[in-house]
N, C-alpha and C. Protein backbone atom coordinates (compact mmCIF):
# COMPACT_ATOMS: atom_id res chain seq x y z
N UNK A 1 0.06 8.73 -9.21
CA UNK A 1 0.57 7.54 -9.65
C UNK A 1 -0.35 6.96 -10.63
N UNK A 2 -0.21 6.33 -11.81
CA UNK A 2 -1.35 5.84 -12.89
C UNK A 2 -1.86 4.56 -12.39
N UNK A 3 -2.86 4.37 -12.46
CA UNK A 3 -3.76 3.19 -12.37
C UNK A 3 -3.01 1.66 -12.45
N UNK A 4 -1.99 1.79 -13.60
CA UNK A 4 -1.43 0.53 -13.83
C UNK A 4 -0.03 0.48 -12.99
N UNK A 5 0.01 1.07 -12.13
CA UNK A 5 1.35 0.99 -11.59
C UNK A 5 1.65 -0.45 -10.96
N UNK A 6 2.98 -0.68 -11.44
CA UNK A 6 3.37 -2.02 -10.89
C UNK A 6 3.66 -2.13 -9.21
N UNK A 7 4.43 -3.08 -8.99
CA UNK A 7 4.54 -3.18 -7.28
C UNK A 7 5.75 -2.31 -7.19
N UNK A 8 5.81 -1.67 -6.22
CA UNK A 8 6.86 -1.07 -5.66
C UNK A 8 7.77 -1.78 -4.35
N UNK A 9 8.60 -2.20 -4.65
CA UNK A 9 9.34 -2.96 -3.57
C UNK A 9 10.09 -1.98 -2.81
N UNK A 10 9.77 -1.96 -1.35
CA UNK A 10 10.30 -0.90 -0.55
C UNK A 10 11.77 -0.90 -0.24
N UNK A 11 12.14 0.30 -0.14
CA UNK A 11 13.72 0.34 -0.01
C UNK A 11 14.20 1.05 1.09
N UNK A 12 15.48 0.85 1.91
CA UNK A 12 15.95 1.77 2.88
C UNK A 12 16.07 3.15 2.23
N UNK A 13 15.08 4.10 2.89
CA UNK A 13 15.49 5.57 2.60
C UNK A 13 16.70 6.10 2.53
N UNK A 14 17.71 5.68 3.36
CA UNK A 14 18.99 6.24 3.63
C UNK A 14 19.78 5.59 2.37
N UNK A 15 19.86 4.25 1.99
CA UNK A 15 21.05 3.68 1.07
C UNK A 15 20.38 3.07 -0.02
N UNK A 16 18.86 2.98 -0.16
CA UNK A 16 18.08 2.24 -0.87
C UNK A 16 18.22 0.87 -1.01
N UNK A 17 18.78 0.19 -0.21
CA UNK A 17 18.78 -1.13 0.02
C UNK A 17 17.54 -1.95 -0.16
N UNK A 18 17.24 -3.20 -0.64
CA UNK A 18 16.02 -3.51 -0.70
C UNK A 18 15.48 -3.80 0.83
N UNK A 19 14.36 -3.59 0.97
CA UNK A 19 13.72 -3.78 2.42
C UNK A 19 13.59 -5.40 2.65
N UNK A 20 13.94 -6.01 3.55
CA UNK A 20 14.11 -7.30 4.17
C UNK A 20 13.03 -7.52 5.40
N UNK A 21 12.16 -6.71 5.85
CA UNK A 21 11.19 -6.97 6.54
C UNK A 21 11.73 -7.13 7.99
N UNK A 22 12.99 -6.13 8.14
CA UNK A 22 13.75 -6.13 9.45
C UNK A 22 13.64 -4.49 9.80
N UNK A 23 13.72 -4.23 11.03
CA UNK A 23 13.86 -2.99 11.81
C UNK A 23 14.98 -2.22 11.30
N UNK A 24 16.12 -2.92 11.29
CA UNK A 24 17.16 -2.35 10.81
C UNK A 24 17.64 -2.69 9.34
N UNK A 25 18.29 -1.77 8.46
CA UNK A 25 18.75 -1.98 7.36
C UNK A 25 20.05 -2.75 7.26
N UNK A 26 19.92 -3.97 6.44
CA UNK A 26 21.15 -4.84 6.62
C UNK A 26 22.23 -4.06 6.12
N UNK A 27 22.39 -3.10 5.42
CA UNK A 27 23.45 -2.47 4.46
C UNK A 27 24.01 -1.55 5.48
N UNK A 28 22.93 -0.43 5.96
CA UNK A 28 23.37 0.96 6.35
C UNK A 28 23.29 0.89 8.14
N UNK A 29 22.56 0.02 8.42
CA UNK A 29 21.89 0.01 9.69
C UNK A 29 20.91 1.26 10.24
N UNK A 30 20.16 1.65 9.07
CA UNK A 30 19.14 2.62 9.73
C UNK A 30 17.97 1.91 10.14
N UNK A 31 17.23 2.58 11.19
CA UNK A 31 16.08 2.38 11.63
C UNK A 31 15.06 2.24 10.80
N UNK A 32 14.25 1.21 10.11
CA UNK A 32 13.47 1.17 9.22
C UNK A 32 12.01 1.21 9.95
N UNK A 33 11.86 0.81 11.34
CA UNK A 33 10.21 1.12 12.15
C UNK A 33 9.41 1.68 10.97
N UNK A 34 9.60 2.98 10.97
CA UNK A 34 8.65 3.94 10.32
C UNK A 34 7.94 3.08 8.89
N UNK A 35 9.18 2.85 7.89
CA UNK A 35 8.66 1.95 6.83
C UNK A 35 7.75 0.91 7.07
N UNK A 36 8.33 0.08 8.21
CA UNK A 36 7.45 -1.19 8.62
C UNK A 36 6.33 -0.68 8.78
N UNK A 37 6.03 0.60 9.54
CA UNK A 37 4.72 0.60 10.06
C UNK A 37 3.80 1.21 8.82
N UNK A 38 4.34 2.07 7.77
CA UNK A 38 3.59 2.41 6.60
C UNK A 38 3.04 0.92 5.68
N UNK A 39 3.90 -0.05 5.61
CA UNK A 39 3.58 -0.92 5.00
C UNK A 39 2.25 -1.47 5.80
N UNK A 40 2.65 -1.69 6.74
CA UNK A 40 1.32 -2.27 7.65
C UNK A 40 -0.05 -1.63 7.51
N UNK A 41 0.33 -0.19 7.73
CA UNK A 41 -0.80 0.55 7.45
C UNK A 41 -1.60 0.65 6.21
N UNK A 42 -0.71 0.50 5.26
CA UNK A 42 -1.34 0.34 3.72
C UNK A 42 -2.22 -0.88 3.76
N UNK A 43 -1.49 -2.17 4.22
CA UNK A 43 -2.42 -3.48 4.16
C UNK A 43 -3.59 -3.25 4.92
N UNK A 44 -3.69 -2.92 6.17
CA UNK A 44 -4.79 -2.65 6.91
C UNK A 44 -6.15 -1.55 6.11
N UNK A 45 -5.42 -0.55 5.63
CA UNK A 45 -6.47 0.01 4.57
C UNK A 45 -6.98 -0.51 3.55
N UNK A 46 -6.07 -1.64 2.71
CA UNK A 46 -6.53 -2.56 1.89
C UNK A 46 -7.82 -3.31 2.21
N UNK A 47 -7.71 -3.79 3.46
CA UNK A 47 -8.57 -4.88 4.14
C UNK A 47 -9.69 -4.01 4.57
N UNK A 48 -9.69 -2.67 4.95
CA UNK A 48 -10.85 -2.10 5.07
C UNK A 48 -11.76 -1.72 4.01
N UNK A 49 -10.84 -1.10 2.80
CA UNK A 49 -11.44 -1.24 1.68
C UNK A 49 -12.39 -2.38 1.21
N UNK A 50 -11.67 -3.80 1.30
CA UNK A 50 -12.68 -4.65 1.04
C UNK A 50 -13.77 -5.06 2.02
N UNK A 51 -13.67 -4.59 3.15
CA UNK A 51 -14.74 -4.56 4.13
C UNK A 51 -15.81 -3.77 3.81
N UNK A 52 -15.46 -2.47 3.52
CA UNK A 52 -16.21 -1.61 3.22
C UNK A 52 -16.95 -2.24 1.67
N UNK A 53 -16.41 -2.61 0.76
CA UNK A 53 -17.11 -3.01 -0.53
C UNK A 53 -18.05 -4.12 0.01
N UNK A 54 -17.85 -4.66 0.94
CA UNK A 54 -18.92 -5.75 1.41
C UNK A 54 -19.98 -5.36 2.15
N UNK A 55 -19.84 -4.10 2.45
CA UNK A 55 -21.02 -3.36 2.98
C UNK A 55 -21.69 -2.50 1.80
N UNK A 56 -21.16 -2.32 0.59
CA UNK A 56 -21.53 -1.61 -0.33
C UNK A 56 -21.04 -0.17 -0.29
N UNK A 57 -20.19 0.51 0.59
CA UNK A 57 -19.77 1.62 0.62
C UNK A 57 -18.58 1.81 -0.44
N UNK A 58 -18.83 1.92 -1.47
CA UNK A 58 -18.04 1.89 -2.56
C UNK A 58 -17.09 3.04 -2.68
N UNK A 59 -17.59 4.39 -2.20
CA UNK A 59 -16.95 5.57 -2.17
C UNK A 59 -15.87 5.60 -1.06
N UNK A 60 -16.22 4.84 -0.07
CA UNK A 60 -15.40 5.06 1.25
C UNK A 60 -14.37 3.86 0.82
N UNK A 61 -14.60 3.00 0.13
CA UNK A 61 -13.59 1.63 -0.20
C UNK A 61 -12.63 2.22 -1.14
N UNK A 62 -13.11 3.40 -1.94
CA UNK A 62 -12.08 3.68 -2.76
C UNK A 62 -11.08 4.76 -2.20
N UNK A 63 -11.75 5.57 -1.25
CA UNK A 63 -10.90 6.50 -0.30
C UNK A 63 -9.63 5.35 0.13
N UNK A 64 -10.14 4.26 1.00
CA UNK A 64 -9.02 3.44 1.85
C UNK A 64 -8.13 2.82 0.75
N UNK A 65 -8.45 2.34 -0.37
CA UNK A 65 -7.71 1.74 -1.35
C UNK A 65 -6.66 2.68 -1.97
N UNK A 66 -7.18 4.11 -2.26
CA UNK A 66 -6.38 5.19 -2.82
C UNK A 66 -5.30 5.58 -1.71
N UNK A 67 -5.87 5.62 -0.52
CA UNK A 67 -4.46 5.92 0.70
C UNK A 67 -3.85 4.91 0.71
N UNK A 68 -4.16 3.59 0.64
CA UNK A 68 -3.09 2.62 0.78
C UNK A 68 -2.07 2.70 -0.10
N UNK A 69 -2.61 2.64 -1.35
CA UNK A 69 -1.63 2.98 -2.72
C UNK A 69 -0.70 4.12 -2.61
N UNK A 70 -1.04 5.15 -1.70
CA UNK A 70 -0.08 6.35 -1.68
C UNK A 70 0.97 6.07 -0.75
N UNK A 71 0.66 5.09 0.22
CA UNK A 71 1.73 4.93 1.16
C UNK A 71 2.27 3.78 1.09
N UNK A 72 2.07 2.80 -0.22
CA UNK A 72 2.74 1.59 -0.46
C UNK A 72 1.98 0.92 -1.61
N UNK A 73 2.41 1.16 -2.64
CA UNK A 73 2.01 0.92 -4.06
C UNK A 73 2.27 -0.54 -4.18
N UNK A 74 1.36 -1.46 -4.48
CA UNK A 74 1.49 -2.81 -4.90
C UNK A 74 0.73 -3.16 -5.96
N UNK A 75 1.01 -4.41 -6.70
CA UNK A 75 0.21 -4.83 -7.75
C UNK A 75 -1.40 -5.17 -7.28
N UNK A 76 -1.52 -5.57 -6.26
CA UNK A 76 -2.67 -6.26 -5.72
C UNK A 76 -3.48 -4.53 -5.30
N UNK A 77 -3.03 -3.76 -4.45
CA UNK A 77 -3.52 -2.36 -4.54
C UNK A 77 -3.90 -1.72 -5.78
N UNK A 78 -3.17 -1.58 -6.88
CA UNK A 78 -3.36 -1.30 -8.04
C UNK A 78 -4.96 -2.00 -8.38
N UNK A 79 -4.80 -3.25 -8.59
CA UNK A 79 -6.18 -3.99 -9.11
C UNK A 79 -7.17 -3.94 -8.10
N UNK A 80 -6.98 -3.56 -6.77
CA UNK A 80 -8.26 -3.09 -6.00
C UNK A 80 -8.86 -2.12 -6.42
N UNK A 81 -8.12 -0.97 -6.43
CA UNK A 81 -8.36 0.54 -6.92
C UNK A 81 -9.14 0.39 -8.24
N UNK A 82 -8.45 -0.24 -9.15
CA UNK A 82 -9.34 -0.24 -10.34
C UNK A 82 -10.50 -1.14 -10.39
N UNK A 83 -10.62 -2.12 -9.50
CA UNK A 83 -11.99 -2.65 -9.60
C UNK A 83 -12.96 -1.92 -8.87
N UNK A 84 -12.64 -1.25 -7.89
CA UNK A 84 -13.70 -0.35 -6.92
C UNK A 84 -14.03 0.96 -8.10
N UNK A 85 -12.84 1.56 -8.63
CA UNK A 85 -13.47 2.43 -9.85
C UNK A 85 -14.17 1.70 -11.08
N UNK A 86 -14.07 0.72 -11.24
CA UNK A 86 -14.90 0.07 -12.08
C UNK A 86 -16.55 -0.05 -11.46
N UNK A 87 -16.64 -0.29 -10.34
CA UNK A 87 -17.90 -0.45 -9.77
C UNK A 87 -18.41 0.98 -9.47
N UNK A 88 -17.91 1.77 -9.68
CA UNK A 88 -18.28 3.42 -9.70
C UNK A 88 -18.89 4.04 -11.03
N UNK A 89 -18.40 3.28 -11.92
CA UNK A 89 -18.87 3.67 -13.41
C UNK A 89 -20.54 2.99 -13.73
């Protein structure tokens, strides 16, 4: 995914309805627990990336940031990843 990726709004993997932060899809009734867990995991990885930056561990921060973006791309995540890459230059 390019570093200029925009926010990706999560959707139900079954019917593509917009995700509403609920465990069950409002349209088709699919269980969205795993989707919710991926979003939470991505957020925790972004937080870990920030913490590693504070410790001066730039390579580790980049790995966490890139993993977070691969799980759930967000505009914030793209900016975080870009900043970390700039610090490596």
